PDB file of N, CA and C in Angstrom:
ATOM      1  N   UNK A   1      -0.935  -5.321 -14.984  1.00  0.00           N
ATOM      2  CA  UNK A   1      -1.710  -4.459 -14.875  1.00  0.00           C
ATOM      3  C   UNK A   1      -1.338  -4.049 -13.461  1.00  0.00           C
ATOM      4  N   UNK A   2      -0.321  -3.440 -13.087  1.00  0.00           N
ATOM      5  CA  UNK A   2       0.310  -3.031 -11.510  1.00  0.00           C
ATOM      6  C   UNK A   2      -0.442  -1.766 -11.123  1.00  0.00           C
ATOM      7  N   UNK A   3      -0.896  -2.152  -9.996  1.00  0.00           N
ATOM      8  CA  UNK A   3      -1.401  -0.417  -8.881  1.00  0.00           C
ATOM      9  C   UNK A   3      -0.482  -0.157  -7.908  1.00  0.00           C
ATOM     10  N   UNK A   4       0.420   0.934  -8.738  1.00  0.00           N
ATOM     11  CA  UNK A   4       0.843   1.433  -7.599  1.00  0.00           C
ATOM     12  C   UNK A   4       0.720   2.308  -6.286  1.00  0.00           C
ATOM     13  N   UNK A   5       1.252   2.039  -5.246  1.00  0.00           N
ATOM     14  CA  UNK A   5       0.736   2.495  -4.265  1.00  0.00           C
ATOM     15  C   UNK A   5       2.162   3.693  -3.726  1.00  0.00           C
ATOM     16  N   UNK A   6       1.644   5.732  -4.175  1.00  0.00           N
ATOM     17  CA  UNK A   6       2.430   6.789  -4.184  1.00  0.00           C
ATOM     18  C   UNK A   6       2.114   7.366  -2.477  1.00  0.00           C
ATOM     19  N   UNK A   7       1.842   6.087  -1.348  1.00  0.00           N
ATOM     20  CA  UNK A   7       1.575   6.981   0.242  1.00  0.00           C
ATOM     21  C   UNK A   7       3.129   7.169   0.541  1.00  0.00           C
ATOM     22  N   UNK A   8       4.264   6.850   0.501  1.00  0.00           N
ATOM     23  CA  UNK A   8       5.529   7.691   0.489  1.00  0.00           C
ATOM     24  C   UNK A   8       5.661   8.741   0.343  1.00  0.00           C
ATOM     25  N   UNK A   9       5.017   8.979  -1.066  1.00  0.00           N
ATOM     26  CA  UNK A   9       5.067  10.176  -1.988  1.00  0.00           C
ATOM     27  C   UNK A   9       4.389  11.420  -1.035  1.00  0.00           C
ATOM     28  N   UNK A  10       3.267  10.816  -0.570  1.00  0.00           N
ATOM     29  CA  UNK A  10       1.957  11.800   0.039  1.00  0.00           C
ATOM     30  C   UNK A  10       2.294  11.998   1.466  1.00  0.00           C
ATOM     31  N   UNK A  11       2.872  11.211   2.181  1.00  0.00           N
ATOM     32  CA  UNK A  11       3.523  11.136   3.639  1.00  0.00           C
ATOM     33  C   UNK A  11       4.902  12.272   3.677  1.00  0.00           C
ATOM     34  N   UNK A  12       5.727  11.928   2.628  1.00  0.00           N
ATOM     35  CA  UNK A  12       6.295  13.247   2.595  1.00  0.00           C
ATOM     36  C   UNK A  12       5.908  15.017   2.280  1.00  0.00           C
ATOM     37  N   UNK A  13       5.234  15.049   1.523  1.00  0.00           N
ATOM     38  CA  UNK A  13       4.325  16.513   0.895  1.00  0.00           C
ATOM     39  C   UNK A  13       4.144  16.554   2.195  1.00  0.00           C
ATOM     40  N   UNK A  14       3.294  15.555   2.977  1.00  0.00           N
ATOM     41  CA  UNK A  14       2.230  16.571   4.578  1.00  0.00           C
ATOM     42  C   UNK A  14       3.351  16.075   5.619  1.00  0.00           C
ATOM     43  N   UNK A  15       4.589  15.603   5.302  1.00  0.00           N
ATOM     44  CA  UNK A  15       5.825  15.648   6.449  1.00  0.00           C
ATOM     45  C   UNK A  15       4.793  14.781   7.752  1.00  0.00           C
ATOM     46  N   UNK A  16       4.767  14.212   7.466  1.00  0.00           N
ATOM     47  CA  UNK A  16       3.837  12.833   8.587  1.00  0.00           C
ATOM     48  C   UNK A  16       4.630  11.430   8.300  1.00  0.00           C
ATOM     49  N   UNK A  17       4.942  10.825   9.380  1.00  0.00           N
ATOM     50  CA  UNK A  17       5.699   9.461   9.491  1.00  0.00           C
ATOM     51  C   UNK A  17       4.433   8.690   9.327  1.00  0.00           C
ATOM     52  N   UNK A  18       5.014   7.237   8.687  1.00  0.00           N
ATOM     53  CA  UNK A  18       3.893   6.521   8.562  1.00  0.00           C
ATOM     54  C   UNK A  18       3.275   5.760  10.307  1.00  0.00           C
ATOM     55  N   UNK A  19       4.213   5.751  10.659  1.00  0.00           N
ATOM     56  CA  UNK A  19       3.551   5.635  12.558  1.00  0.00           C
ATOM     57  C   UNK A  19       2.547   6.945  13.051  1.00  0.00           C
ATOM     58  N   UNK A  20       2.487   8.089  12.691  1.00  0.00           N
ATOM     59  CA  UNK A  20       1.868   9.076  12.797  1.00  0.00           C
ATOM     60  C   UNK A  20       0.623   8.605  12.346  1.00  0.00           C
ATOM     61  N   UNK A  21       0.268   8.095  11.366  1.00  0.00           N
ATOM     62  CA  UNK A  21      -0.705   7.666  10.080  1.00  0.00           C
ATOM     63  C   UNK A  21      -1.845   7.041  10.498  1.00  0.00           C
ATOM     64  N   UNK A  22      -0.204   5.312  10.675  1.00  0.00           N
ATOM     65  CA  UNK A  22      -0.990   4.377  11.008  1.00  0.00           C
ATOM     66  C   UNK A  22      -2.283   4.815  12.550  1.00  0.00           C
ATOM     67  N   UNK A  23      -1.649   6.020  13.299  1.00  0.00           N
ATOM     68  CA  UNK A  23      -2.187   5.579  14.672  1.00  0.00           C
ATOM     69  C   UNK A  23      -3.810   6.797  14.879  1.00  0.00           C
ATOM     70  N   UNK A  24      -3.441   7.395  13.284  1.00  0.00           N
ATOM     71  CA  UNK A  24      -4.888   8.088  13.356  1.00  0.00           C
ATOM     72  C   UNK A  24      -5.678   7.453  12.419  1.00  0.00           C
ATOM     73  N   UNK A  25      -5.383   6.954  11.597  1.00  0.00           N
ATOM     74  CA  UNK A  25      -6.465   5.925  10.393  1.00  0.00           C
ATOM     75  C   UNK A  25      -6.572   4.752  11.630  1.00  0.00           C
ATOM     76  N   UNK A  26      -5.858   4.356  12.709  1.00  0.00           N
ATOM     77  CA  UNK A  26      -6.345   3.295  13.325  1.00  0.00           C
ATOM     78  C   UNK A  26      -6.382   1.869  12.946  1.00  0.00           C
ATOM     79  N   UNK A  27      -5.076   1.622  12.512  1.00  0.00           N
ATOM     80  CA  UNK A  27      -4.677   0.237  12.157  1.00  0.00           C
ATOM     81  C   UNK A  27      -3.363   0.135  12.123  1.00  0.00           C
ATOM     82  N   UNK A  28      -2.682  -1.070  12.001  1.00  0.00           N
ATOM     83  CA  UNK A  28      -1.295  -1.219  12.952  1.00  0.00           C
ATOM     84  C   UNK A  28      -0.609  -0.649  11.796  1.00  0.00           C
ATOM     85  N   UNK A  29       0.659  -0.324  12.150  1.00  0.00           N
ATOM     86  CA  UNK A  29       1.608   0.172  11.141  1.00  0.00           C
ATOM     87  C   UNK A  29       2.185  -0.916  10.175  1.00  0.00           C
ATOM     88  N   UNK A  30       2.113  -2.376  10.951  1.00  0.00           N
ATOM     89  CA  UNK A  30       2.160  -3.667  10.362  1.00  0.00           C
ATOM     90  C   UNK A  30       1.630  -3.337   8.996  1.00  0.00           C
ATOM     91  N   UNK A  31       0.113  -3.180   8.925  1.00  0.00           N
ATOM     92  CA  UNK A  31      -0.813  -3.211   7.558  1.00  0.00           C
ATOM     93  C   UNK A  31      -0.717  -2.455   7.000  1.00  0.00           C
ATOM     94  N   UNK A  32      -0.471  -1.218   7.524  1.00  0.00           N
ATOM     95  CA  UNK A  32      -0.222   0.197   6.687  1.00  0.00           C
ATOM     96  C   UNK A  32       1.725   0.171   6.413  1.00  0.00           C
ATOM     97  N   UNK A  33       2.285  -0.705   6.865  1.00  0.00           N
ATOM     98  CA  UNK A  33       3.521  -0.357   6.093  1.00  0.00           C
ATOM     99  C   UNK A  33       3.506  -1.500   4.626  1.00  0.00           C
ATOM    100  N   UNK A  34       2.583  -2.802   4.610  1.00  0.00           N
ATOM    101  CA  UNK A  34       2.359  -3.455   3.771  1.00  0.00           C
ATOM    102  C   UNK A  34       1.723  -2.557   2.684  1.00  0.00           C
ATOM    103  N   UNK A  35       0.940  -1.648   2.453  1.00  0.00           N
ATOM    104  CA  UNK A  35       0.088  -1.250   2.168  1.00  0.00           C
ATOM    105  C   UNK A  35       1.121  -0.049   1.066  1.00  0.00           C
ATOM    106  N   UNK A  36       1.641   0.696   1.913  1.00  0.00           N
ATOM    107  CA  UNK A  36       3.113   1.220   1.317  1.00  0.00           C
ATOM    108  C   UNK A  36       4.086   0.707   0.956  1.00  0.00           C
ATOM    109  N   UNK A  37       4.450  -0.423   1.177  1.00  0.00           N
ATOM    110  CA  UNK A  37       5.056  -1.159   0.166  1.00  0.00           C
ATOM    111  C   UNK A  37       4.628  -1.215  -1.164  1.00  0.00           C
ATOM    112  N   UNK A  38       3.289  -0.947  -1.283  1.00  0.00           N
ATOM    113  CA  UNK A  38       2.973  -1.831  -1.958  1.00  0.00           C
ATOM    114  C   UNK A  38       2.426  -3.663  -1.950  1.00  0.00           C
ATOM    115  N   UNK A  39       2.750  -4.436  -1.538  1.00  0.00           N
ATOM    116  CA  UNK A  39       2.229  -6.060  -1.213  1.00  0.00           C
ATOM    117  C   UNK A  39       0.707  -6.225  -1.130  1.00  0.00           C
ATOM    118  N   UNK A  40       0.120  -4.537  -0.766  1.00  0.00           N
ATOM    119  CA  UNK A  40      -1.392  -5.441   0.085  1.00  0.00           C
ATOM    120  C   UNK A  40      -1.902  -5.494  -1.810  1.00  0.00           C
ATOM    121  N   UNK A  41      -3.198  -6.760  -1.318  1.00  0.00           N
ATOM    122  CA  UNK A  41      -3.702  -7.291  -2.132  1.00  0.00           C
ATOM    123  C   UNK A  41      -5.266  -6.632  -2.535  1.00  0.00           C
ATOM    124  N   UNK A  42      -5.611  -6.088  -1.433  1.00  0.00           N
ATOM    125  CA  UNK A  42      -7.045  -4.851  -1.329  1.00  0.00           C
ATOM    126  C   UNK A  42      -7.047  -3.673  -0.259  1.00  0.00           C
ATOM    127  N   UNK A  43      -7.802  -3.017  -0.700  1.00  0.00           N
ATOM    128  CA  UNK A  43      -7.588  -2.023   1.254  1.00  0.00           C
ATOM    129  C   UNK A  43      -9.550  -1.739   0.797  1.00  0.00           C
ATOM    130  N   UNK A  44      -9.908  -1.859   2.364  1.00  0.00           N
ATOM    131  CA  UNK A  44     -11.271  -1.509   1.978  1.00  0.00           C
ATOM    132  C   UNK A  44     -11.414   0.111   2.333  1.00  0.00           C
ATOM    133  N   UNK A  45     -12.679   0.187   1.441  1.00  0.00           N
ATOM    134  CA  UNK A  45     -12.847   1.656   1.134  1.00  0.00           C
ATOM    135  C   UNK A  45     -12.927   2.617   2.143  1.00  0.00           C
ATOM    136  N   UNK A  46     -13.037   1.957   3.730  1.00  0.00           N
ATOM    137  CA  UNK A  46     -13.450   2.783   4.518  1.00  0.00           C
ATOM    138  C   UNK A  46     -11.744   3.558   4.931  1.00  0.00           C
ATOM    139  N   UNK A  47     -10.741   2.024   4.688  1.00  0.00           N
ATOM    140  CA  UNK A  47      -9.481   2.810   5.067  1.00  0.00           C
ATOM    141  C   UNK A  47      -9.060   3.527   4.382  1.00  0.00           C
ATOM    142  N   UNK A  48      -9.462   3.612   2.987  1.00  0.00           N
ATOM    143  CA  UNK A  48      -8.825   4.516   2.220  1.00  0.00           C
ATOM    144  C   UNK A  48      -9.244   5.551   2.008  1.00  0.00           C
ATOM    145  N   UNK A  49     -10.798   6.485   2.832  1.00  0.00           N
ATOM    146  CA  UNK A  49     -11.148   6.858   2.615  1.00  0.00           C
ATOM    147  C   UNK A  49     -10.736   8.314   4.397  1.00  0.00           C
ATOM    148  N   UNK A  50     -10.542   7.467   5.081  1.00  0.00           N
ATOM    149  CA  UNK A  50     -10.015   8.140   6.338  1.00  0.00           C
ATOM    150  C   UNK A  50      -8.210   8.185   5.956  1.00  0.00           C
ATOM    151  N   UNK A  51      -7.743   7.555   4.852  1.00  0.00           N
ATOM    152  CA  UNK A  51      -6.362   8.268   4.776  1.00  0.00           C
ATOM    153  C   UNK A  51      -6.354   9.238   3.857  1.00  0.00           C
ATOM    154  N   UNK A  52      -7.453   9.837   3.140  1.00  0.00           N
ATOM    155  CA  UNK A  52      -7.600  10.517   2.105  1.00  0.00           C
ATOM    156  C   UNK A  52      -8.007  11.618   2.848  1.00  0.00           C
ATOM    157  N   UNK A  53      -8.984  11.191   4.196  1.00  0.00           N
ATOM    158  CA  UNK A  53      -9.600  12.883   4.721  1.00  0.00           C
ATOM    159  C   UNK A  53      -8.197  13.260   5.668  1.00  0.00           C
ATOM    160  N   UNK A  54      -6.962  12.140   6.033  1.00  0.00           N
ATOM    161  CA  UNK A  54      -6.295  12.782   6.950  1.00  0.00           C
ATOM    162  C   UNK A  54      -4.919  13.464   6.083  1.00  0.00           C
ATOM    163  N   UNK A  55      -4.940  12.470   4.885  1.00  0.00           N
ATOM    164  CA  UNK A  55      -3.805  13.895   4.192  1.00  0.00           C
ATOM    165  C   UNK A  55      -4.378  14.576   3.500  1.00  0.00           C
ATOM    166  N   UNK A  56      -5.616  14.534   3.286  1.00  0.00           N
ATOM    167  CA  UNK A  56      -6.514  15.551   2.514  1.00  0.00           C
ATOM    168  C   UNK A  56      -5.772  15.733   0.901  1.00  0.00           C
ATOM    169  N   UNK A  57      -6.120  14.573   0.747  1.00  0.00           N
ATOM    170  CA  UNK A  57      -5.730  14.504  -0.819  1.00  0.00           C
ATOM    171  C   UNK A  57      -6.918  12.894  -1.469  1.00  0.00           C
ATOM    172  N   UNK A  58      -6.578  12.982  -2.999  1.00  0.00           N
ATOM    173  CA  UNK A  58      -7.756  12.686  -3.291  1.00  0.00           C
ATOM    174  C   UNK A  58      -7.019  10.759  -3.349  1.00  0.00           C
ATOM    175  N   UNK A  59      -8.174   9.468  -3.993  1.00  0.00           N
ATOM    176  CA  UNK A  59      -7.628   8.234  -4.034  1.00  0.00           C
ATOM    177  C   UNK A  59      -6.600   8.391  -5.137  1.00  0.00           C
ATOM    178  N   UNK A  60      -6.502   8.852  -6.251  1.00  0.00           N
ATOM    179  CA  UNK A  60      -6.260   8.792  -7.395  1.00  0.00           C
ATOM    180  C   UNK A  60      -4.694   9.540  -6.976  1.00  0.00           C
ATOM    181  N   UNK A  61      -4.236  10.358  -5.934  1.00  0.00           N
ATOM    182  CA  UNK A  61      -2.919  10.325  -5.181  1.00  0.00           C
ATOM    183  C   UNK A  61      -2.470   9.394  -4.661  1.00  0.00           C
ATOM    184  N   UNK A  62      -3.114   8.928  -4.510  1.00  0.00           N
ATOM    185  CA  UNK A  62      -2.594   7.563  -3.272  1.00  0.00           C
ATOM    186  C   UNK A  62      -2.164   6.224  -4.378  1.00  0.00           C
ATOM    187  N   UNK A  63      -3.532   6.030  -5.566  1.00  0.00           N
ATOM    188  CA  UNK A  63      -3.222   4.924  -5.767  1.00  0.00           C
ATOM    189  C   UNK A  63      -2.805   5.171  -7.697  1.00  0.00           C
ATOM    190  N   UNK A  64      -2.222   4.945  -8.547  1.00  0.00           N
ATOM    191  CA  UNK A  64      -1.947   5.036 -10.246  1.00  0.00           C
ATOM    192  C   UNK A  64      -1.721   3.927 -10.650  1.00  0.00           C
ATOM    193  N   UNK A  65      -2.088   3.691 -11.779  1.00  0.00           N
ATOM    194  CA  UNK A  65      -1.994   2.684 -12.228  1.00  0.00           C
ATOM    195  C   UNK A  65      -1.297   2.721 -13.355  1.00  0.00           C
ATOM    196  N   UNK A  66      -0.072   1.610 -13.392  1.00  0.00           N
ATOM    197  CA  UNK A  66       0.656   1.985 -14.440  1.00  0.00           C
ATOM    198  C   UNK A  66       1.054   0.531 -15.003  1.00  0.00           C
ATOM    199  N   UNK A  67       0.911   0.858 -16.727  1.00  0.00           N
ATOM    200  CA  UNK A  67       1.348  -0.497 -17.732  1.00  0.00           C
ATOM    201  C   UNK A  67       2.240  -1.606 -16.955  1.00  0.00           C
ATOM    202  N   UNK A  68       2.436  -2.901 -17.620  1.00  0.00           N
ATOM    203  CA  UNK A  68       3.450  -3.635 -17.551  1.00  0.00           C
ATOM    204  C   UNK A  68       4.620  -2.743 -18.147  1.00  0.00           C
ATOM    205  N   UNK A  69       5.100  -2.726 -18.836  1.00  0.00           N
ATOM    206  CA  UNK A  69       6.526  -1.890 -19.473  1.00  0.00           C
ATOM    207  C   UNK A  69       6.799  -1.141 -18.701  1.00  0.00           C
ATOM    208  N   UNK A  70       5.990  -0.051 -18.304  1.00  0.00           N
ATOM    209  CA  UNK A  70       6.710   1.033 -17.538  1.00  0.00           C
ATOM    210  C   UNK A  70       6.545   0.745 -16.337  1.00  0.00           C
ATOM    211  N   UNK A  71       5.958  -0.090 -15.571  1.00  0.00           N
ATOM    212  CA  UNK A  71       6.673  -0.961 -13.922  1.00  0.00           C
ATOM    213  C   UNK A  71       7.544  -1.472 -14.127  1.00  0.00           C
ATOM    214  N   UNK A  72       7.717  -2.244 -15.061  1.00  0.00           N
ATOM    215  CA  UNK A  72       8.633  -2.936 -15.285  1.00  0.00           C
ATOM    216  C   UNK A  72      10.109  -2.000 -15.283  1.00  0.00           C
ATOM    217  N   UNK A  73      10.221  -1.123 -16.118  1.00  0.00           N
ATOM    218  CA  UNK A  73      11.027  -0.091 -16.488  1.00  0.00           C
ATOM    219  C   UNK A  73      11.309   0.900 -14.985  1.00  0.00           C
ATOM    220  N   UNK A  74      10.522   1.117 -14.474  1.00  0.00           N
ATOM    221  CA  UNK A  74      10.687   1.764 -13.017  1.00  0.00           C
ATOM    222  C   UNK A  74      11.056   1.104 -11.718  1.00  0.00           C
ATOM    223  N   UNK A  75      10.581  -0.301 -11.535  1.00  0.00           N
ATOM    224  CA  UNK A  75      10.982  -0.908 -10.453  1.00  0.00           C
ATOM    225  C   UNK A  75      12.289  -2.145 -11.194  1.00  0.00           C
ATOM    226  N   UNK A  76      12.457  -1.979 -12.370  1.00  0.00           N
ATOM    227  CA  UNK A  76      13.393  -2.852 -12.596  1.00  0.00           C
ATOM    228  C   UNK A  76      12.781  -4.571 -12.223  1.00  0.00           C
ATOM    229  N   UNK A  77      11.409  -5.021 -12.859  1.00  0.00           N
ATOM    230  CA  UNK A  77      11.453  -6.574 -12.295  1.00  0.00           C
ATOM    231  C   UNK A  77      11.236  -7.408 -13.657  1.00  0.00           C
TER     232      UNK A  77
END
């Protein structure tokens, strides 16, 4: 049951860098990179809320459920 993180898409739509977002949210660029890459195991609701506030989006714009076959097809895993 993969959850895909679409943070890179939202950053591109807002013409914002990951560094800029990490500074505004108040978390390290390393932790933001882990989230963006989809390697994060969890995210605090307060962090998600702040990212949504800054990017003016909904949590569903950032997180997407994808079934296993679709995930493997998209990411060739």
